[in-house]
Structures are given as structure tokens and as C-alpha cells.
């Protein structure tokens, strides 16, 4: 069985801390928070984000639609909303699938 542990922010902090032991973990956490805040603000303003060899995030506008309440069967209108679309890079897909990467 594959270990399905979720990699969380504290894991990222500990990983960076182990490589750069002179940086205090609170500073590493602060830097990570700044990066995430910047990425979040960019998406919220409608910009796309592309991190080479990792992937892209884009905003898609979802049109309004009519759906049904599964409990009552009543028709409801769902308004227009935005959704985040993620696409992994070719390099990331190759690493996940353990395909040799040509460099």
C-alpha cells in the first residue's frame, strides 16, 4: 500500500529548515506565508500563475446554471462563479510517473 500522508505547510517548513539550518523556522514560515499570499492575491485579481516544471493555475468563469436539490428535487439557480483550474507540467507528470526526464 502506498503511504498517502498529506504534505502540509509544517512539513514544508521542516524540510526547508533541515537544508538551511541557519534560518529560524519562524522566518521560513513568514516567507512561505508571503509567497502563498502573493499567489492567492494574483489569482483573486484574475491573473494566471505559471511555475515552470510544476504547473499552472488559471481562473475559469463558470456560467450560471439550473440544478436540482437532490433531497427535494426542487430546481435551483446557481449563479455565475469563478473556479480555479490546475494543470500540472510535463516535467511534474514525468516525475510522478517515474519516467526518465531528458535534460
C-alpha atoms as a PDB file:
ATOM      1  CA  UNK A   1       0.000   0.000   0.000  1.00  0.00           C
ATOM      2  CA  UNK A   2       1.213   3.494  -0.844  1.00  0.00           C
ATOM      3  CA  UNK A   3       1.802   5.919   2.025  1.00  0.00           C
ATOM      4  CA  UNK A   4      -0.858   8.577   1.479  1.00  0.00           C
ATOM      5  CA  UNK A   5       0.362  11.112   4.046  1.00  0.00           C
ATOM      6  CA  UNK A   6      -0.626  14.610   3.094  1.00  0.00           C
ATOM      7  CA  UNK A   7       2.270  17.032   2.787  1.00  0.00           C
ATOM      8  CA  UNK A   8       1.289  20.101   4.805  1.00  0.00           C
ATOM      9  CA  UNK A   9       2.807  23.522   5.353  1.00  0.00           C
ATOM     10  CA  UNK A  10       4.636  22.435   8.520  1.00  0.00           C
ATOM     11  CA  UNK A  11       6.277  19.611   6.522  1.00  0.00           C
ATOM     12  CA  UNK A  12       7.490  22.179   4.011  1.00  0.00           C
ATOM     13  CA  UNK A  13       8.886  24.346   6.818  1.00  0.00           C
ATOM     14  CA  UNK A  14      10.695  21.372   8.401  1.00  0.00           C
ATOM     15  CA  UNK A  15      12.075  20.291   5.023  1.00  0.00           C
ATOM     16  CA  UNK A  16      13.490  23.748   4.301  1.00  0.00           C
ATOM     17  CA  UNK A  17      14.730  24.072   7.894  1.00  0.00           C
ATOM     18  CA  UNK A  18      16.727  20.834   7.546  1.00  0.00           C
ATOM     19  CA  UNK A  19      18.522  22.198   4.466  1.00  0.00           C
ATOM     20  CA  UNK A  20      19.017  25.755   5.750  1.00  0.00           C
ATOM     21  CA  UNK A  21      19.571  25.279   9.469  1.00  0.00           C
ATOM     22  CA  UNK A  22      20.778  28.861   9.994  1.00  0.00           C
ATOM     23  CA  UNK A  23      17.343  30.235   9.084  1.00  0.00           C
ATOM     24  CA  UNK A  24      14.903  30.253  12.003  1.00  0.00           C
ATOM     25  CA  UNK A  25      11.709  28.316  11.319  1.00  0.00           C
ATOM     26  CA  UNK A  26       9.571  31.394  12.063  1.00  0.00           C
ATOM     27  CA  UNK A  27      11.352  33.244   9.220  1.00  0.00           C
ATOM     28  CA  UNK A  28      10.848  30.308   6.857  1.00  0.00           C
ATOM     29  CA  UNK A  29       7.160  30.252   7.789  1.00  0.00           C
ATOM     30  CA  UNK A  30       6.923  34.009   7.205  1.00  0.00           C
ATOM     31  CA  UNK A  31       8.486  33.663   3.726  1.00  0.00           C
ATOM     32  CA  UNK A  32       6.130  30.813   2.815  1.00  0.00           C
ATOM     33  CA  UNK A  33       3.141  32.849   4.035  1.00  0.00           C
ATOM     34  CA  UNK A  34       4.243  35.807   1.893  1.00  0.00           C
ATOM     35  CA  UNK A  35       4.564  33.562  -1.189  1.00  0.00           C
ATOM     36  CA  UNK A  36       1.126  31.967  -0.641  1.00  0.00           C
ATOM     37  CA  UNK A  37      -0.455  35.368  -0.007  1.00  0.00           C
ATOM     38  CA  UNK A  38       1.031  36.738  -3.233  1.00  0.00           C
ATOM     39  CA  UNK A  39      -0.169  33.713  -5.241  1.00  0.00           C
ATOM     40  CA  UNK A  40      -3.648  33.965  -3.701  1.00  0.00           C
ATOM     41  CA  UNK A  41      -3.884  37.696  -4.422  1.00  0.00           C
ATOM     42  CA  UNK A  42      -2.760  37.139  -8.018  1.00  0.00           C
ATOM     43  CA  UNK A  43      -5.471  34.522  -8.597  1.00  0.00           C
ATOM     44  CA  UNK A  44      -8.089  36.687  -6.864  1.00  0.00           C
ATOM     45  CA  UNK A  45      -7.254  39.566  -9.214  1.00  0.00           C
ATOM     46  CA  UNK A  46      -7.773  37.296 -12.232  1.00  0.00           C
ATOM     47  CA  UNK A  47      -4.146  36.641 -13.125  1.00  0.00           C
ATOM     48  CA  UNK A  48      -2.835  33.222 -14.058  1.00  0.00           C
ATOM     49  CA  UNK A  49       0.140  31.656 -12.318  1.00  0.00           C
ATOM     50  CA  UNK A  50       2.720  29.510 -14.058  1.00  0.00           C
ATOM     51  CA  UNK A  51       5.556  27.833 -12.175  1.00  0.00           C
ATOM     52  CA  UNK A  52       7.887  26.196 -14.684  1.00  0.00           C
ATOM     53  CA  UNK A  53       8.321  22.443 -14.243  1.00  0.00           C
ATOM     54  CA  UNK A  54       5.481  22.393 -11.696  1.00  0.00           C
ATOM     55  CA  UNK A  55       2.206  23.614 -13.180  1.00  0.00           C
ATOM     56  CA  UNK A  56      -0.280  26.378 -13.923  1.00  0.00           C
ATOM     57  CA  UNK A  57      -3.276  27.790 -12.109  1.00  0.00           C
ATOM     58  CA  UNK A  58      -5.919  29.641 -14.078  1.00  0.00           C
ATOM     59  CA  UNK A  59      -9.305  31.105 -13.239  1.00  0.00           C
ATOM     60  CA  UNK A  60     -12.285  29.819 -15.195  1.00  0.00           C
ATOM     61  CA  UNK A  61     -15.621  31.619 -15.199  1.00  0.00           C
ATOM     62  CA  UNK A  62     -18.472  29.179 -14.686  1.00  0.00           C
ATOM     63  CA  UNK A  63     -21.762  30.165 -16.289  1.00  0.00           C
ATOM     64  CA  UNK A  64     -24.947  30.261 -14.232  1.00  0.00           C
ATOM     65  CA  UNK A  65     -26.918  27.042 -14.373  1.00  0.00           C
ATOM     66  CA  UNK A  66     -30.059  25.379 -13.136  1.00  0.00           C
ATOM     67  CA  UNK A  67     -29.589  22.395 -10.853  1.00  0.00           C
ATOM     68  CA  UNK A  68     -31.745  20.240  -8.608  1.00  0.00           C
ATOM     69  CA  UNK A  69     -31.757  19.922  -4.868  1.00  0.00           C
ATOM     70  CA  UNK A  70     -31.114  16.163  -4.503  1.00  0.00           C
ATOM     71  CA  UNK A  71     -33.162  15.942  -1.319  1.00  0.00           C
ATOM     72  CA  UNK A  72     -36.320  17.701  -2.531  1.00  0.00           C
ATOM     73  CA  UNK A  73     -35.951  17.593  -6.312  1.00  0.00           C
ATOM     74  CA  UNK A  74     -36.623  21.336  -6.395  1.00  0.00           C
ATOM     75  CA  UNK A  75     -34.937  23.320  -9.203  1.00  0.00           C
ATOM     76  CA  UNK A  76     -32.462  25.923  -8.001  1.00  0.00           C
ATOM     77  CA  UNK A  77     -30.405  28.504  -9.842  1.00  0.00           C
ATOM     78  CA  UNK A  78     -26.672  28.537  -9.275  1.00  0.00           C
ATOM     79  CA  UNK A  79     -25.175  31.898 -10.146  1.00  0.00           C
ATOM     80  CA  UNK A  80     -22.046  32.644 -12.077  1.00  0.00           C
ATOM     81  CA  UNK A  81     -18.868  31.856 -10.170  1.00  0.00           C
ATOM     82  CA  UNK A  82     -15.135  31.513 -10.660  1.00  0.00           C
ATOM     83  CA  UNK A  83     -13.232  28.290 -10.302  1.00  0.00           C
ATOM     84  CA  UNK A  84      -9.532  27.525 -10.085  1.00  0.00           C
ATOM     85  CA  UNK A  85      -8.222  25.245 -12.811  1.00  0.00           C
ATOM     86  CA  UNK A  86      -4.930  23.402 -12.220  1.00  0.00           C
ATOM     87  CA  UNK A  87      -2.780  21.763 -14.863  1.00  0.00           C
ATOM     88  CA  UNK A  88       0.433  20.013 -13.926  1.00  0.00           C
ATOM     89  CA  UNK A  89       3.542  20.441 -16.054  1.00  0.00           C
ATOM     90  CA  UNK A  90       5.002  17.780 -18.295  1.00  0.00           C
ATOM     91  CA  UNK A  91       8.059  17.515 -16.026  1.00  0.00           C
ATOM     92  CA  UNK A  92       5.917  17.024 -12.916  1.00  0.00           C
ATOM     93  CA  UNK A  93       3.835  14.365 -14.666  1.00  0.00           C
ATOM     94  CA  UNK A  94       7.005  12.554 -15.700  1.00  0.00           C
ATOM     95  CA  UNK A  95       8.380  12.649 -12.140  1.00  0.00           C
ATOM     96  CA  UNK A  96       5.098  11.413 -10.665  1.00  0.00           C
ATOM     97  CA  UNK A  97       5.021   8.547 -13.143  1.00  0.00           C
ATOM     98  CA  UNK A  98       8.756   7.885 -12.698  1.00  0.00           C
ATOM     99  CA  UNK A  99       9.537   8.461 -16.359  1.00  0.00           C
ATOM    100  CA  UNK A 100      13.144   9.368 -17.111  1.00  0.00           C
ATOM    101  CA  UNK A 101      13.409  13.109 -17.731  1.00  0.00           C
ATOM    102  CA  UNK A 102      15.658  14.163 -20.586  1.00  0.00           C
ATOM    103  CA  UNK A 103      17.856  17.116 -19.735  1.00  0.00           C
END
